[in-house]
């Protein structure tokens, strides 16, 4: 299976294994302080399988992530 992560500046990085994609998403999320989504290809379509947050939390599931991507992530000071 092929996996990809989509960075906040809309660039895509493709991976052959899930662990590599999750690791890269976690590194980029903490570095950029943004939520990174992980997608996989099934039947020619890209399906979102996980969200990776800047604090290292990985939320895996099926669909329904559109609302959560728009929430602010930064800390209030």
N, C-alpha and C. Protein backbone atom coordinates (compact mmCIF):
# COMPACT_ATOMS: atom_id res chain seq x y z
N UNK A 1 0.83 -1.17 0.00
CA UNK A 1 0.00 0.00 0.00
C UNK A 1 0.88 1.24 0.00
N UNK A 2 0.36 2.31 -0.53
CA UNK A 2 1.07 3.57 -0.58
C UNK A 2 0.41 4.54 0.41
N UNK A 3 1.24 5.25 1.15
CA UNK A 3 0.77 6.23 2.12
C UNK A 3 1.34 7.58 1.75
N UNK A 4 0.63 8.64 2.13
CA UNK A 4 1.15 9.98 1.93
C UNK A 4 0.72 10.87 3.07
N UNK A 5 1.54 11.89 3.32
CA UNK A 5 1.18 12.91 4.29
C UNK A 5 1.06 14.22 3.54
N UNK A 6 0.15 15.06 3.99
CA UNK A 6 -0.06 16.36 3.38
C UNK A 6 0.33 17.42 4.41
N UNK A 7 1.36 18.20 4.07
CA UNK A 7 1.85 19.25 4.94
C UNK A 7 0.98 20.50 4.83
N UNK A 8 1.07 21.40 5.80
CA UNK A 8 0.22 22.62 5.76
C UNK A 8 0.40 23.47 4.51
N UNK A 9 1.57 23.44 3.88
CA UNK A 9 1.77 24.22 2.66
C UNK A 9 1.35 23.44 1.41
N UNK A 10 0.55 22.39 1.59
CA UNK A 10 -0.05 21.57 0.53
C UNK A 10 0.93 20.69 -0.22
N UNK A 11 2.16 20.53 0.26
CA UNK A 11 3.08 19.59 -0.37
C UNK A 11 2.78 18.19 0.15
N UNK A 12 3.03 17.21 -0.69
CA UNK A 12 2.74 15.82 -0.34
C UNK A 12 4.03 15.01 -0.33
N UNK A 13 4.13 14.11 0.65
CA UNK A 13 5.27 13.19 0.74
C UNK A 13 4.70 11.78 0.72
N UNK A 14 5.22 10.92 -0.16
CA UNK A 14 4.71 9.55 -0.28
C UNK A 14 5.66 8.56 0.37
N UNK A 15 5.07 7.50 0.94
CA UNK A 15 5.81 6.47 1.65
C UNK A 15 5.26 5.10 1.27
N UNK A 16 6.10 4.08 1.43
CA UNK A 16 5.69 2.71 1.14
C UNK A 16 5.14 1.99 2.37
N UNK A 17 5.51 2.45 3.57
CA UNK A 17 5.02 1.78 4.78
C UNK A 17 4.35 2.79 5.71
N UNK A 18 3.46 2.27 6.54
CA UNK A 18 2.66 3.11 7.44
C UNK A 18 3.52 3.72 8.53
N UNK A 19 4.47 2.96 9.07
CA UNK A 19 5.31 3.47 10.15
C UNK A 19 6.15 4.65 9.70
N UNK A 20 6.68 4.58 8.49
CA UNK A 20 7.47 5.69 7.96
C UNK A 20 6.63 6.94 7.78
N UNK A 21 5.41 6.77 7.31
CA UNK A 21 4.51 7.91 7.12
C UNK A 21 4.13 8.53 8.47
N UNK A 22 3.84 7.70 9.46
CA UNK A 22 3.47 8.21 10.78
C UNK A 22 4.65 8.94 11.44
N UNK A 23 5.85 8.38 11.29
CA UNK A 23 7.04 9.00 11.88
C UNK A 23 7.31 10.37 11.24
N UNK A 24 7.22 10.45 9.91
CA UNK A 24 7.43 11.72 9.22
C UNK A 24 6.35 12.73 9.57
N UNK A 25 5.12 12.27 9.71
CA UNK A 25 4.03 13.17 10.08
C UNK A 25 4.24 13.71 11.48
N UNK A 26 4.69 12.87 12.41
CA UNK A 26 4.92 13.31 13.78
C UNK A 26 6.06 14.33 13.84
N UNK A 27 7.14 14.10 13.07
CA UNK A 27 8.26 15.04 13.05
C UNK A 27 7.82 16.39 12.48
N UNK A 28 7.08 16.37 11.38
CA UNK A 28 6.64 17.61 10.76
C UNK A 28 5.60 18.34 11.61
N UNK A 29 4.74 17.61 12.30
CA UNK A 29 3.73 18.23 13.15
C UNK A 29 4.38 18.99 14.30
N UNK A 30 5.37 18.39 14.94
CA UNK A 30 6.03 19.07 16.05
C UNK A 30 6.89 20.23 15.56
N UNK A 31 7.53 20.06 14.40
CA UNK A 31 8.38 21.11 13.86
C UNK A 31 7.58 22.33 13.42
N UNK A 32 6.43 22.12 12.77
CA UNK A 32 5.64 23.21 12.23
C UNK A 32 4.50 23.64 13.14
N UNK A 33 4.26 22.89 14.21
CA UNK A 33 3.17 23.15 15.16
C UNK A 33 1.82 23.19 14.45
N UNK A 34 1.59 22.23 13.56
CA UNK A 34 0.35 22.11 12.80
C UNK A 34 -0.11 20.66 12.80
N UNK A 35 -1.38 20.46 12.52
CA UNK A 35 -1.95 19.11 12.40
C UNK A 35 -1.61 18.58 11.00
N UNK A 36 -1.11 17.35 10.93
CA UNK A 36 -0.74 16.71 9.67
C UNK A 36 -1.66 15.52 9.46
N UNK A 37 -2.16 15.37 8.23
CA UNK A 37 -3.03 14.23 7.93
C UNK A 37 -2.26 13.16 7.17
N UNK A 38 -2.62 11.91 7.44
CA UNK A 38 -2.02 10.76 6.78
C UNK A 38 -3.09 10.08 5.94
N UNK A 39 -2.78 9.82 4.68
CA UNK A 39 -3.72 9.22 3.74
C UNK A 39 -3.16 7.91 3.20
N UNK A 40 -4.05 7.02 2.75
CA UNK A 40 -3.66 5.80 2.07
C UNK A 40 -4.47 5.66 0.80
N UNK A 41 -3.93 4.92 -0.15
CA UNK A 41 -4.60 4.75 -1.43
C UNK A 41 -5.35 3.42 -1.46
N UNK A 42 -6.66 3.49 -1.72
CA UNK A 42 -7.49 2.30 -1.86
C UNK A 42 -8.35 2.47 -3.09
N UNK A 43 -8.24 1.54 -4.01
CA UNK A 43 -9.02 1.55 -5.24
C UNK A 43 -8.88 2.86 -6.02
N UNK A 44 -7.68 3.41 -6.04
CA UNK A 44 -7.42 4.63 -6.80
C UNK A 44 -7.82 5.91 -6.11
N UNK A 45 -8.35 5.84 -4.90
CA UNK A 45 -8.75 7.03 -4.15
C UNK A 45 -7.90 7.16 -2.90
N UNK A 46 -7.62 8.39 -2.49
CA UNK A 46 -6.88 8.65 -1.26
C UNK A 46 -7.86 8.81 -0.12
N UNK A 47 -7.68 8.00 0.92
CA UNK A 47 -8.56 8.00 2.08
C UNK A 47 -7.75 8.39 3.31
N UNK A 48 -8.26 9.35 4.07
CA UNK A 48 -7.56 9.81 5.27
C UNK A 48 -7.71 8.76 6.36
N UNK A 49 -6.57 8.35 6.94
CA UNK A 49 -6.61 7.32 7.97
C UNK A 49 -6.21 7.83 9.35
N UNK A 50 -5.50 8.98 9.41
CA UNK A 50 -5.05 9.45 10.71
C UNK A 50 -4.74 10.94 10.68
N UNK A 51 -4.79 11.54 11.87
CA UNK A 51 -4.33 12.91 12.09
C UNK A 51 -3.23 12.85 13.13
N UNK A 52 -2.17 13.62 12.91
CA UNK A 52 -1.06 13.66 13.86
C UNK A 52 -0.97 15.09 14.39
N UNK A 53 -1.03 15.22 15.71
CA UNK A 53 -1.03 16.53 16.36
C UNK A 53 0.38 16.90 16.81
N UNK A 54 0.64 18.20 17.02
CA UNK A 54 1.99 18.65 17.41
C UNK A 54 2.49 18.09 18.74
N UNK A 55 1.60 17.72 19.64
CA UNK A 55 2.04 17.15 20.92
C UNK A 55 2.39 15.66 20.80
N UNK A 56 2.28 15.09 19.59
CA UNK A 56 2.64 13.69 19.37
C UNK A 56 1.45 12.75 19.37
N UNK A 57 0.27 13.25 19.68
CA UNK A 57 -0.93 12.41 19.70
C UNK A 57 -1.33 12.03 18.28
N UNK A 58 -1.61 10.77 18.06
CA UNK A 58 -2.04 10.27 16.76
C UNK A 58 -3.48 9.79 16.88
N UNK A 59 -4.36 10.39 16.09
CA UNK A 59 -5.77 10.01 16.10
C UNK A 59 -6.05 9.23 14.83
N UNK A 60 -6.28 7.92 14.99
CA UNK A 60 -6.57 7.08 13.84
C UNK A 60 -8.06 6.79 13.81
N UNK A 61 -8.61 6.69 12.62
CA UNK A 61 -10.02 6.40 12.48
C UNK A 61 -10.43 6.46 11.02
N UNK A 62 -11.71 6.46 10.78
CA UNK A 62 -12.19 6.51 9.41
C UNK A 62 -13.08 7.72 9.23
N UNK A 63 -12.66 8.63 8.36
CA UNK A 63 -13.46 9.79 7.97
C UNK A 63 -13.84 10.69 9.13
N UNK A 64 -14.55 11.78 8.81
CA UNK A 64 -15.05 12.68 9.82
C UNK A 64 -14.02 13.61 10.41
N UNK A 65 -12.85 13.75 9.78
CA UNK A 65 -11.81 14.59 10.34
C UNK A 65 -11.90 16.04 9.85
N UNK A 66 -12.76 16.36 8.92
CA UNK A 66 -12.80 17.69 8.34
C UNK A 66 -12.99 18.79 9.37
N UNK A 67 -13.86 18.58 10.34
CA UNK A 67 -14.11 19.59 11.36
C UNK A 67 -12.89 19.79 12.24
N UNK A 68 -12.21 18.73 12.61
CA UNK A 68 -11.09 18.82 13.55
C UNK A 68 -9.88 19.50 12.94
N UNK A 69 -9.72 19.43 11.61
CA UNK A 69 -8.57 20.05 10.97
C UNK A 69 -8.64 21.57 11.06
N UNK A 70 -9.82 22.14 11.22
CA UNK A 70 -9.98 23.59 11.24
C UNK A 70 -9.83 24.18 12.64
N UNK A 71 -9.75 23.35 13.66
CA UNK A 71 -9.60 23.86 15.02
C UNK A 71 -8.20 24.40 15.25
N UNK A 72 -8.06 25.46 16.04
CA UNK A 72 -6.71 25.99 16.34
C UNK A 72 -5.94 25.02 17.22
N UNK A 73 -4.64 24.98 17.01
CA UNK A 73 -3.81 24.02 17.73
C UNK A 73 -2.92 24.70 18.76
N UNK A 74 -2.53 25.94 18.52
CA UNK A 74 -1.57 26.64 19.38
C UNK A 74 -2.05 26.83 20.79
N UNK A 75 -1.10 27.10 21.67
CA UNK A 75 -1.42 27.33 23.08
C UNK A 75 -1.81 28.78 23.28
N UNK A 76 -2.71 29.00 24.22
CA UNK A 76 -3.06 30.38 24.58
C UNK A 76 -2.08 30.88 25.62
N UNK A 77 -1.68 32.10 25.44
CA UNK A 77 -0.69 32.66 26.39
C UNK A 77 -1.24 33.87 27.07
